[in-house]
PDB file of N, CA and C in Angstrom:
ATOM      1  N   UNK A   1     -11.507  -4.418  -5.624  1.00  0.00           N
ATOM      2  CA  UNK A   1     -11.543  -5.854  -5.489  1.00  0.00           C
ATOM      3  C   UNK A   1     -10.350  -6.369  -4.699  1.00  0.00           C
ATOM      4  N   UNK A   2      -9.134  -5.792  -4.926  1.00  0.00           N
ATOM      5  CA  UNK A   2      -7.960  -6.250  -4.198  1.00  0.00           C
ATOM      6  C   UNK A   2      -8.105  -6.008  -2.707  1.00  0.00           C
ATOM      7  N   UNK A   3      -8.823  -4.924  -2.327  1.00  0.00           N
ATOM      8  CA  UNK A   3      -9.013  -4.635  -0.900  1.00  0.00           C
ATOM      9  C   UNK A   3      -9.786  -5.762  -0.231  1.00  0.00           C
ATOM     10  N   UNK A   4     -10.821  -6.244  -0.864  1.00  0.00           N
ATOM     11  CA  UNK A   4     -11.615  -7.334  -0.312  1.00  0.00           C
ATOM     12  C   UNK A   4     -10.772  -8.593  -0.174  1.00  0.00           C
ATOM     13  N   UNK A   5     -10.002  -8.925  -1.172  1.00  0.00           N
ATOM     14  CA  UNK A   5      -9.176 -10.128  -1.138  1.00  0.00           C
ATOM     15  C   UNK A   5      -8.112 -10.055  -0.054  1.00  0.00           C
ATOM     16  N   UNK A   6      -7.480  -8.903   0.112  1.00  0.00           N
ATOM     17  CA  UNK A   6      -6.418  -8.783   1.101  1.00  0.00           C
ATOM     18  C   UNK A   6      -6.954  -8.741   2.518  1.00  0.00           C
ATOM     19  N   UNK A   7      -8.112  -8.127   2.733  1.00  0.00           N
ATOM     20  CA  UNK A   7      -8.667  -8.086   4.080  1.00  0.00           C
ATOM     21  C   UNK A   7      -9.219  -9.449   4.477  1.00  0.00           C
ATOM     22  N   UNK A   8      -9.780 -10.183   3.546  1.00  0.00           N
ATOM     23  CA  UNK A   8     -10.259 -11.532   3.839  1.00  0.00           C
ATOM     24  C   UNK A   8      -9.075 -12.431   4.194  1.00  0.00           C
ATOM     25  N   UNK A   9      -7.949 -12.215   3.533  1.00  0.00           N
ATOM     26  CA  UNK A   9      -6.749 -13.009   3.784  1.00  0.00           C
ATOM     27  C   UNK A   9      -6.056 -12.593   5.082  1.00  0.00           C
ATOM     28  N   UNK A  10      -6.467 -11.483   5.683  1.00  0.00           N
ATOM     29  CA  UNK A  10      -5.877 -11.029   6.933  1.00  0.00           C
ATOM     30  C   UNK A  10      -4.581 -10.259   6.756  1.00  0.00           C
ATOM     31  N   UNK A  11      -4.372  -9.674   5.596  1.00  0.00           N
ATOM     32  CA  UNK A  11      -3.145  -8.923   5.317  1.00  0.00           C
ATOM     33  C   UNK A  11      -3.215  -7.516   5.904  1.00  0.00           C
ATOM     34  N   UNK A  12      -2.056  -7.020   6.336  1.00  0.00           N
ATOM     35  CA  UNK A  12      -1.946  -5.650   6.818  1.00  0.00           C
ATOM     36  C   UNK A  12      -1.444  -4.712   5.720  1.00  0.00           C
ATOM     37  N   UNK A  13      -0.708  -5.263   4.764  1.00  0.00           N
ATOM     38  CA  UNK A  13      -0.100  -4.462   3.694  1.00  0.00           C
ATOM     39  C   UNK A  13      -0.472  -5.026   2.332  1.00  0.00           C
ATOM     40  N   UNK A  14      -0.572  -4.113   1.353  1.00  0.00           N
ATOM     41  CA  UNK A  14      -0.684  -4.493  -0.049  1.00  0.00           C
ATOM     42  C   UNK A  14       0.506  -3.836  -0.731  1.00  0.00           C
ATOM     43  N   UNK A  15       1.446  -4.641  -1.221  1.00  0.00           N
ATOM     44  CA  UNK A  15       2.683  -4.131  -1.802  1.00  0.00           C
ATOM     45  C   UNK A  15       2.553  -4.166  -3.317  1.00  0.00           C
ATOM     46  N   UNK A  16       2.760  -2.998  -3.946  1.00  0.00           N
ATOM     47  CA  UNK A  16       2.604  -2.898  -5.400  1.00  0.00           C
ATOM     48  C   UNK A  16       3.490  -1.789  -5.951  1.00  0.00           C
ATOM     49  N   UNK A  17       3.707  -1.827  -7.255  1.00  0.00           N
ATOM     50  CA  UNK A  17       4.395  -0.736  -7.948  1.00  0.00           C
ATOM     51  C   UNK A  17       3.445  -0.033  -8.914  1.00  0.00           C
ATOM     52  N   UNK A  18       2.187  -0.437  -8.927  1.00  0.00           N
ATOM     53  CA  UNK A  18       1.182   0.154  -9.819  1.00  0.00           C
ATOM     54  C   UNK A  18       0.745   1.514  -9.274  1.00  0.00           C
ATOM     55  N   UNK A  19       1.041   2.569 -10.004  1.00  0.00           N
ATOM     56  CA  UNK A  19       0.723   3.940  -9.571  1.00  0.00           C
ATOM     57  C   UNK A  19      -0.769   4.146  -9.343  1.00  0.00           C
ATOM     58  N   UNK A  20      -1.600   3.507 -10.144  1.00  0.00           N
ATOM     59  CA  UNK A  20      -3.050   3.675  -9.968  1.00  0.00           C
ATOM     60  C   UNK A  20      -3.507   3.113  -8.628  1.00  0.00           C
ATOM     61  N   UNK A  21      -2.974   1.987  -8.244  1.00  0.00           N
ATOM     62  CA  UNK A  21      -3.348   1.384  -6.964  1.00  0.00           C
ATOM     63  C   UNK A  21      -2.741   2.163  -5.803  1.00  0.00           C
ATOM     64  N   UNK A  22      -1.523   2.662  -5.968  1.00  0.00           N
ATOM     65  CA  UNK A  22      -0.866   3.418  -4.898  1.00  0.00           C
ATOM     66  C   UNK A  22      -1.619   4.699  -4.543  1.00  0.00           C
ATOM     67  N   UNK A  23      -2.398   5.228  -5.466  1.00  0.00           N
ATOM     68  CA  UNK A  23      -3.179   6.447  -5.202  1.00  0.00           C
ATOM     69  C   UNK A  23      -4.418   6.166  -4.352  1.00  0.00           C
ATOM     70  N   UNK A  24      -4.842   4.910  -4.312  1.00  0.00           N
ATOM     71  CA  UNK A  24      -6.041   4.520  -3.569  1.00  0.00           C
ATOM     72  C   UNK A  24      -5.767   4.579  -2.069  1.00  0.00           C
ATOM     73  N   UNK A  25      -6.690   5.106  -1.294  1.00  0.00           N
ATOM     74  CA  UNK A  25      -6.540   5.220   0.163  1.00  0.00           C
ATOM     75  C   UNK A  25      -7.668   4.487   0.862  1.00  0.00           C
ATOM     76  N   UNK A  26      -7.322   3.789   1.937  1.00  0.00           N
ATOM     77  CA  UNK A  26      -8.304   3.067   2.729  1.00  0.00           C
ATOM     78  C   UNK A  26      -7.800   2.906   4.157  1.00  0.00           C
ATOM     79  N   UNK A  27      -8.718   2.702   5.084  1.00  0.00           N
ATOM     80  CA  UNK A  27      -8.354   2.473   6.479  1.00  0.00           C
ATOM     81  C   UNK A  27      -8.066   1.002   6.742  1.00  0.00           C
ATOM     82  N   UNK A  28      -8.537   0.136   5.879  1.00  0.00           N
ATOM     83  CA  UNK A  28      -8.469  -1.308   6.114  1.00  0.00           C
ATOM     84  C   UNK A  28      -7.093  -1.914   5.880  1.00  0.00           C
ATOM     85  N   UNK A  29      -6.336  -1.347   4.937  1.00  0.00           N
ATOM     86  CA  UNK A  29      -5.053  -1.929   4.563  1.00  0.00           C
ATOM     87  C   UNK A  29      -4.103  -0.825   4.136  1.00  0.00           C
ATOM     88  N   UNK A  30      -2.830  -1.023   4.371  1.00  0.00           N
ATOM     89  CA  UNK A  30      -1.831  -0.025   3.988  1.00  0.00           C
ATOM     90  C   UNK A  30      -1.259  -0.419   2.630  1.00  0.00           C
ATOM     91  N   UNK A  31      -1.359   0.480   1.665  1.00  0.00           N
ATOM     92  CA  UNK A  31      -0.883   0.229   0.312  1.00  0.00           C
ATOM     93  C   UNK A  31       0.450   0.950   0.143  1.00  0.00           C
ATOM     94  N   UNK A  32       1.514   0.175  -0.138  1.00  0.00           N
ATOM     95  CA  UNK A  32       2.866   0.729  -0.197  1.00  0.00           C
ATOM     96  C   UNK A  32       3.660   0.123  -1.350  1.00  0.00           C
ATOM     97  N   UNK A  33       4.773   0.781  -1.673  1.00  0.00           N
ATOM     98  CA  UNK A  33       5.722   0.233  -2.638  1.00  0.00           C
ATOM     99  C   UNK A  33       6.642  -0.746  -1.903  1.00  0.00           C
ATOM    100  N   UNK A  34       7.352  -1.584  -2.631  1.00  0.00           N
ATOM    101  CA  UNK A  34       8.286  -2.496  -1.956  1.00  0.00           C
ATOM    102  C   UNK A  34       9.331  -1.746  -1.120  1.00  0.00           C
ATOM    103  N   UNK A  35       9.825  -0.633  -1.618  1.00  0.00           N
ATOM    104  CA  UNK A  35      10.827   0.159  -0.886  1.00  0.00           C
ATOM    105  C   UNK A  35      10.227   0.727   0.394  1.00  0.00           C
ATOM    106  N   UNK A  36       9.006   1.260   0.318  1.00  0.00           N
ATOM    107  CA  UNK A  36       8.341   1.782   1.515  1.00  0.00           C
ATOM    108  C   UNK A  36       8.158   0.684   2.554  1.00  0.00           C
ATOM    109  N   UNK A  37       7.768  -0.498   2.112  1.00  0.00           N
ATOM    110  CA  UNK A  37       7.557  -1.609   3.024  1.00  0.00           C
ATOM    111  C   UNK A  37       8.855  -1.977   3.738  1.00  0.00           C
ATOM    112  N   UNK A  38       9.936  -2.091   2.981  1.00  0.00           N
ATOM    113  CA  UNK A  38      11.223  -2.438   3.583  1.00  0.00           C
ATOM    114  C   UNK A  38      11.712  -1.361   4.542  1.00  0.00           C
ATOM    115  N   UNK A  39      11.522  -0.108   4.163  1.00  0.00           N
ATOM    116  CA  UNK A  39      11.964   1.000   5.005  1.00  0.00           C
ATOM    117  C   UNK A  39      11.173   1.053   6.308  1.00  0.00           C
ATOM    118  N   UNK A  40       9.878   0.887   6.245  1.00  0.00           N
ATOM    119  CA  UNK A  40       9.032   0.952   7.421  1.00  0.00           C
ATOM    120  C   UNK A  40       9.205  -0.248   8.346  1.00  0.00           C
ATOM    121  N   UNK A  41       9.607  -1.375   7.808  1.00  0.00           N
ATOM    122  CA  UNK A  41       9.701  -2.593   8.601  1.00  0.00           C
ATOM    123  C   UNK A  41      11.133  -3.051   8.833  1.00  0.00           C
ATOM    124  N   UNK A  42      12.082  -2.168   8.621  1.00  0.00           N
ATOM    125  CA  UNK A  42      13.483  -2.489   8.801  1.00  0.00           C
ATOM    126  C   UNK A  42      13.774  -2.727  10.292  1.00  0.00           C
ATOM    127  N   UNK A  43      14.427  -3.808  10.555  1.00  0.00           N
ATOM    128  CA  UNK A  43      14.811  -4.131  11.933  1.00  0.00           C
ATOM    129  C   UNK A  43      16.217  -3.603  12.149  1.00  0.00           C
ATOM    130  N   UNK A  44      16.352  -2.836  13.202  1.00  0.00           N
ATOM    131  CA  UNK A  44      17.687  -2.242  13.480  1.00  0.00           C
ATOM    132  C   UNK A  44      18.349  -2.923  14.627  1.00  0.00           C
TER     133      UNK A  44
END
């Protein structure tokens, strides 16, 4: 259900700390932890 909501909203990332959701894989949206998001999007 969260995948549908985030893709309708036009999101590229779904940021969560829930281990069950982090195991889910999809091509539509990137599911990451807050630390992963910050690391991947760090501006140098």
